[in-house]
């Protein structure tokens, strides 16, 4: 339920509700009637996908070719710390 207070509207868990709606809509488009038969823990699924996307953003700014040429190790270091962080989610 929305709480209306002094002209503003507050909707509890709006972000989660929007994520849930979006994921369900995409899955329904991809899987159709089979979506109803899938046993997916939606909150865990949403959190996992969100974490994967958040952790992959910095990788888009690294050049794999330059990292390999310079042998800086920052790509592997980021990958390692991402795995450790993901396991702790």
N, C-alpha and C. Protein backbone atom coordinates (compact mmCIF):
# COMPACT_ATOMS: atom_id res chain seq x y z
N UNK A 1 0.84 -1.19 0.00
CA UNK A 1 0.00 0.00 0.00
C UNK A 1 0.88 1.24 0.00
N UNK A 2 0.42 2.27 -0.65
CA UNK A 2 1.15 3.53 -0.71
C UNK A 2 0.78 4.39 0.49
N UNK A 3 1.76 5.02 1.07
CA UNK A 3 1.55 5.96 2.17
C UNK A 3 1.60 7.37 1.61
N UNK A 4 0.52 8.11 1.79
CA UNK A 4 0.48 9.48 1.30
C UNK A 4 0.62 10.41 2.50
N UNK A 5 1.68 11.22 2.47
CA UNK A 5 1.97 12.11 3.58
C UNK A 5 2.40 13.46 3.03
N UNK A 6 1.64 14.48 3.30
CA UNK A 6 1.94 15.87 2.89
C UNK A 6 2.28 15.98 1.40
N UNK A 7 1.47 15.39 0.58
CA UNK A 7 1.63 15.53 -0.86
C UNK A 7 2.65 14.62 -1.51
N UNK A 8 3.35 13.80 -0.74
CA UNK A 8 4.31 12.87 -1.35
C UNK A 8 3.79 11.45 -1.20
N UNK A 9 4.23 10.59 -2.07
CA UNK A 9 3.80 9.19 -2.04
C UNK A 9 5.03 8.32 -1.78
N UNK A 10 4.92 7.43 -0.81
CA UNK A 10 5.99 6.49 -0.51
C UNK A 10 5.47 5.08 -0.75
N UNK A 11 6.16 4.35 -1.59
CA UNK A 11 5.76 2.98 -1.89
C UNK A 11 6.83 2.06 -1.33
N UNK A 12 6.48 1.28 -0.30
CA UNK A 12 7.47 0.38 0.30
C UNK A 12 7.98 -0.65 -0.71
N UNK A 13 9.27 -0.92 -0.65
CA UNK A 13 9.90 -1.93 -1.50
C UNK A 13 9.67 -1.69 -2.99
N UNK A 14 9.64 -0.43 -3.40
CA UNK A 14 9.38 -0.11 -4.80
C UNK A 14 10.45 -0.71 -5.71
N UNK A 15 11.73 -0.56 -5.34
CA UNK A 15 12.81 -1.08 -6.18
C UNK A 15 12.67 -2.59 -6.37
N UNK A 16 12.41 -3.32 -5.29
CA UNK A 16 12.25 -4.77 -5.39
C UNK A 16 11.04 -5.12 -6.24
N UNK A 17 9.94 -4.40 -6.07
CA UNK A 17 8.74 -4.66 -6.86
C UNK A 17 8.99 -4.44 -8.35
N UNK A 18 9.72 -3.37 -8.68
CA UNK A 18 10.03 -3.10 -10.09
C UNK A 18 10.97 -4.15 -10.66
N UNK A 19 11.96 -4.56 -9.85
CA UNK A 19 12.85 -5.64 -10.31
C UNK A 19 12.07 -6.92 -10.56
N UNK A 20 11.18 -7.25 -9.62
CA UNK A 20 10.36 -8.46 -9.76
C UNK A 20 9.49 -8.42 -11.00
N UNK A 21 8.85 -7.27 -11.22
CA UNK A 21 7.99 -7.12 -12.40
C UNK A 21 8.82 -7.27 -13.67
N UNK A 22 9.98 -6.61 -13.71
CA UNK A 22 10.83 -6.65 -14.89
C UNK A 22 11.32 -8.06 -15.18
N UNK A 23 11.80 -8.75 -14.17
CA UNK A 23 12.30 -10.11 -14.35
C UNK A 23 11.18 -11.04 -14.79
N UNK A 24 10.03 -10.94 -14.16
CA UNK A 24 8.90 -11.79 -14.55
C UNK A 24 8.46 -11.52 -15.97
N UNK A 25 8.46 -10.25 -16.38
CA UNK A 25 8.06 -9.90 -17.75
C UNK A 25 9.04 -10.47 -18.77
N UNK A 26 10.33 -10.33 -18.51
CA UNK A 26 11.34 -10.85 -19.43
C UNK A 26 11.26 -12.38 -19.50
N UNK A 27 11.13 -13.01 -18.35
CA UNK A 27 11.05 -14.48 -18.33
C UNK A 27 9.79 -14.99 -19.01
N UNK A 28 8.68 -14.27 -18.85
CA UNK A 28 7.45 -14.66 -19.53
C UNK A 28 7.61 -14.54 -21.04
N UNK A 29 8.31 -13.48 -21.48
CA UNK A 29 8.53 -13.31 -22.92
C UNK A 29 9.46 -14.40 -23.46
N UNK A 30 10.45 -14.77 -22.68
CA UNK A 30 11.41 -15.80 -23.12
C UNK A 30 10.84 -17.21 -23.07
N UNK A 31 10.13 -17.51 -21.99
CA UNK A 31 9.72 -18.89 -21.74
C UNK A 31 8.23 -19.14 -21.90
N UNK A 32 7.43 -18.10 -22.04
CA UNK A 32 6.00 -18.25 -22.23
C UNK A 32 5.34 -19.01 -21.10
N UNK A 33 4.48 -19.98 -21.44
CA UNK A 33 3.73 -20.74 -20.45
C UNK A 33 4.64 -21.59 -19.57
N UNK A 34 5.83 -21.92 -20.06
CA UNK A 34 6.77 -22.72 -19.25
C UNK A 34 7.24 -21.96 -18.02
N UNK A 35 7.14 -20.62 -18.03
CA UNK A 35 7.59 -19.82 -16.89
C UNK A 35 6.85 -20.23 -15.62
N UNK A 36 5.58 -20.55 -15.72
CA UNK A 36 4.78 -20.93 -14.55
C UNK A 36 5.28 -22.22 -13.92
N UNK A 37 5.92 -23.08 -14.71
CA UNK A 37 6.42 -24.36 -14.21
C UNK A 37 7.81 -24.24 -13.60
N UNK A 38 8.47 -23.08 -13.77
CA UNK A 38 9.82 -22.90 -13.25
C UNK A 38 9.77 -22.55 -11.77
N UNK A 39 10.55 -23.26 -10.99
CA UNK A 39 10.61 -23.02 -9.56
C UNK A 39 11.83 -22.15 -9.27
N UNK A 40 11.63 -20.84 -9.29
CA UNK A 40 12.73 -19.90 -9.10
C UNK A 40 12.44 -19.05 -7.87
N UNK A 41 13.43 -18.96 -6.99
CA UNK A 41 13.33 -18.07 -5.84
C UNK A 41 13.64 -16.67 -6.35
N UNK A 42 12.61 -15.90 -6.67
CA UNK A 42 12.76 -14.62 -7.33
C UNK A 42 13.67 -13.65 -6.58
N UNK A 43 13.53 -13.45 -5.27
CA UNK A 43 14.43 -12.52 -4.58
C UNK A 43 15.91 -12.93 -4.69
N UNK A 44 16.21 -14.20 -4.59
CA UNK A 44 17.59 -14.67 -4.71
C UNK A 44 18.08 -14.48 -6.14
N UNK A 45 17.24 -14.78 -7.11
CA UNK A 45 17.60 -14.61 -8.51
C UNK A 45 17.90 -13.15 -8.83
N UNK A 46 17.04 -12.25 -8.38
CA UNK A 46 17.21 -10.82 -8.62
C UNK A 46 18.50 -10.33 -7.98
N UNK A 47 18.75 -10.72 -6.75
CA UNK A 47 19.96 -10.29 -6.04
C UNK A 47 21.21 -10.81 -6.75
N UNK A 48 21.17 -12.05 -7.22
CA UNK A 48 22.32 -12.63 -7.92
C UNK A 48 22.61 -11.89 -9.22
N UNK A 49 21.57 -11.63 -10.02
CA UNK A 49 21.76 -10.94 -11.29
C UNK A 49 22.26 -9.52 -11.05
N UNK A 50 21.68 -8.84 -10.07
CA UNK A 50 22.11 -7.47 -9.75
C UNK A 50 23.58 -7.45 -9.34
N UNK A 51 24.00 -8.41 -8.52
CA UNK A 51 25.39 -8.48 -8.07
C UNK A 51 26.32 -8.75 -9.24
N UNK A 52 25.95 -9.66 -10.11
CA UNK A 52 26.77 -9.98 -11.28
C UNK A 52 26.94 -8.74 -12.15
N UNK A 53 25.86 -8.02 -12.39
CA UNK A 53 25.94 -6.82 -13.23
C UNK A 53 26.78 -5.74 -12.57
N UNK A 54 26.62 -5.53 -11.27
CA UNK A 54 27.39 -4.51 -10.56
C UNK A 54 28.88 -4.84 -10.59
N UNK A 55 29.22 -6.11 -10.45
CA UNK A 55 30.63 -6.48 -10.40
C UNK A 55 31.27 -6.53 -11.78
N UNK A 56 30.47 -6.62 -12.83
CA UNK A 56 31.05 -6.69 -14.17
C UNK A 56 31.29 -5.31 -14.78
N UNK A 57 30.69 -4.27 -14.23
CA UNK A 57 30.84 -2.93 -14.79
C UNK A 57 32.31 -2.49 -14.86
N UNK A 58 33.10 -2.61 -13.79
CA UNK A 58 34.51 -2.16 -13.89
C UNK A 58 35.31 -2.91 -14.97
N UNK A 59 34.94 -4.14 -15.27
CA UNK A 59 35.66 -4.90 -16.29
C UNK A 59 35.49 -4.29 -17.68
N UNK A 60 34.42 -3.55 -17.88
CA UNK A 60 34.18 -2.94 -19.17
C UNK A 60 35.17 -1.81 -19.46
N UNK A 61 35.82 -1.31 -18.41
CA UNK A 61 36.76 -0.21 -18.58
C UNK A 61 38.21 -0.68 -18.69
N UNK A 62 38.43 -1.98 -18.58
CA UNK A 62 39.77 -2.53 -18.70
C UNK A 62 39.96 -3.11 -20.10
N UNK A 63 41.12 -2.91 -20.65
CA UNK A 63 41.45 -3.50 -21.95
C UNK A 63 42.19 -4.82 -21.68
N UNK A 64 41.60 -5.91 -22.07
CA UNK A 64 42.23 -7.22 -21.85
C UNK A 64 43.57 -7.29 -22.56
N UNK A 65 43.64 -6.70 -23.75
CA UNK A 65 44.89 -6.72 -24.52
C UNK A 65 45.99 -5.94 -23.78
N UNK A 66 45.66 -4.75 -23.29
CA UNK A 66 46.66 -3.95 -22.56
C UNK A 66 47.06 -4.62 -21.25
N UNK A 67 46.10 -5.22 -20.58
CA UNK A 67 46.39 -5.92 -19.33
C UNK A 67 47.36 -7.08 -19.59
N UNK A 68 47.15 -7.80 -20.70
CA UNK A 68 48.02 -8.92 -21.04
C UNK A 68 49.41 -8.45 -21.44
N UNK A 69 49.46 -7.38 -22.23
CA UNK A 69 50.76 -6.83 -22.67
C UNK A 69 51.56 -6.30 -21.49
N UNK A 70 50.89 -5.57 -20.61
CA UNK A 70 51.58 -4.96 -19.48
C UNK A 70 51.77 -5.90 -18.32
N UNK A 71 51.08 -7.04 -18.37
CA UNK A 71 51.15 -8.02 -17.30
C UNK A 71 50.94 -7.36 -15.94
N UNK A 72 49.92 -6.46 -15.87
CA UNK A 72 49.69 -5.70 -14.65
C UNK A 72 49.02 -6.54 -13.58
N UNK A 73 48.28 -7.52 -13.99
CA UNK A 73 47.60 -8.38 -13.02
C UNK A 73 46.33 -7.77 -12.46
N UNK A 74 46.00 -6.54 -12.83
CA UNK A 74 44.81 -5.91 -12.25
C UNK A 74 43.53 -6.61 -12.67
N UNK A 75 43.51 -7.15 -13.89
CA UNK A 75 42.33 -7.88 -14.35
C UNK A 75 42.12 -9.13 -13.51
N UNK A 76 43.17 -9.90 -13.31
CA UNK A 76 43.06 -11.12 -12.50
C UNK A 76 42.78 -10.79 -11.04
N UNK A 77 43.39 -9.72 -10.55
CA UNK A 77 43.16 -9.31 -9.17
C UNK A 77 41.69 -8.93 -8.98
N UNK A 78 41.13 -8.16 -9.91
CA UNK A 78 39.73 -7.78 -9.82
C UNK A 78 38.84 -9.02 -9.89
N UNK A 79 39.17 -9.92 -10.80
CA UNK A 79 38.38 -11.14 -10.95
C UNK A 79 38.39 -11.95 -9.65
N UNK A 80 39.55 -12.09 -9.03
CA UNK A 80 39.65 -12.84 -7.78
C UNK A 80 38.81 -12.19 -6.69
N UNK A 81 38.96 -10.88 -6.51
CA UNK A 81 38.20 -10.20 -5.46
C UNK A 81 36.70 -10.22 -5.74
N UNK A 82 36.32 -10.20 -7.03
CA UNK A 82 34.90 -10.29 -7.38
C UNK A 82 34.34 -11.64 -6.96
N UNK A 83 35.10 -12.71 -7.19
CA UNK A 83 34.63 -14.04 -6.80
C UNK A 83 34.47 -14.14 -5.29
N UNK A 84 35.42 -13.61 -4.55
CA UNK A 84 35.35 -13.64 -3.09
C UNK A 84 34.14 -12.85 -2.61
N UNK A 85 33.93 -11.66 -3.19
CA UNK A 85 32.79 -10.83 -2.79
C UNK A 85 31.47 -11.51 -3.14
N UNK A 86 31.40 -12.13 -4.34
CA UNK A 86 30.18 -12.79 -4.78
C UNK A 86 29.81 -13.93 -3.86
N UNK A 87 30.80 -14.69 -3.40
CA UNK A 87 30.53 -15.80 -2.49
C UNK A 87 30.00 -15.33 -1.15
N UNK A 88 30.31 -14.08 -0.79
CA UNK A 88 29.86 -13.53 0.49
C UNK A 88 28.49 -12.86 0.40
N UNK A 89 27.91 -12.81 -0.79
CA UNK A 89 26.61 -12.15 -0.96
C UNK A 89 25.52 -12.98 -0.36
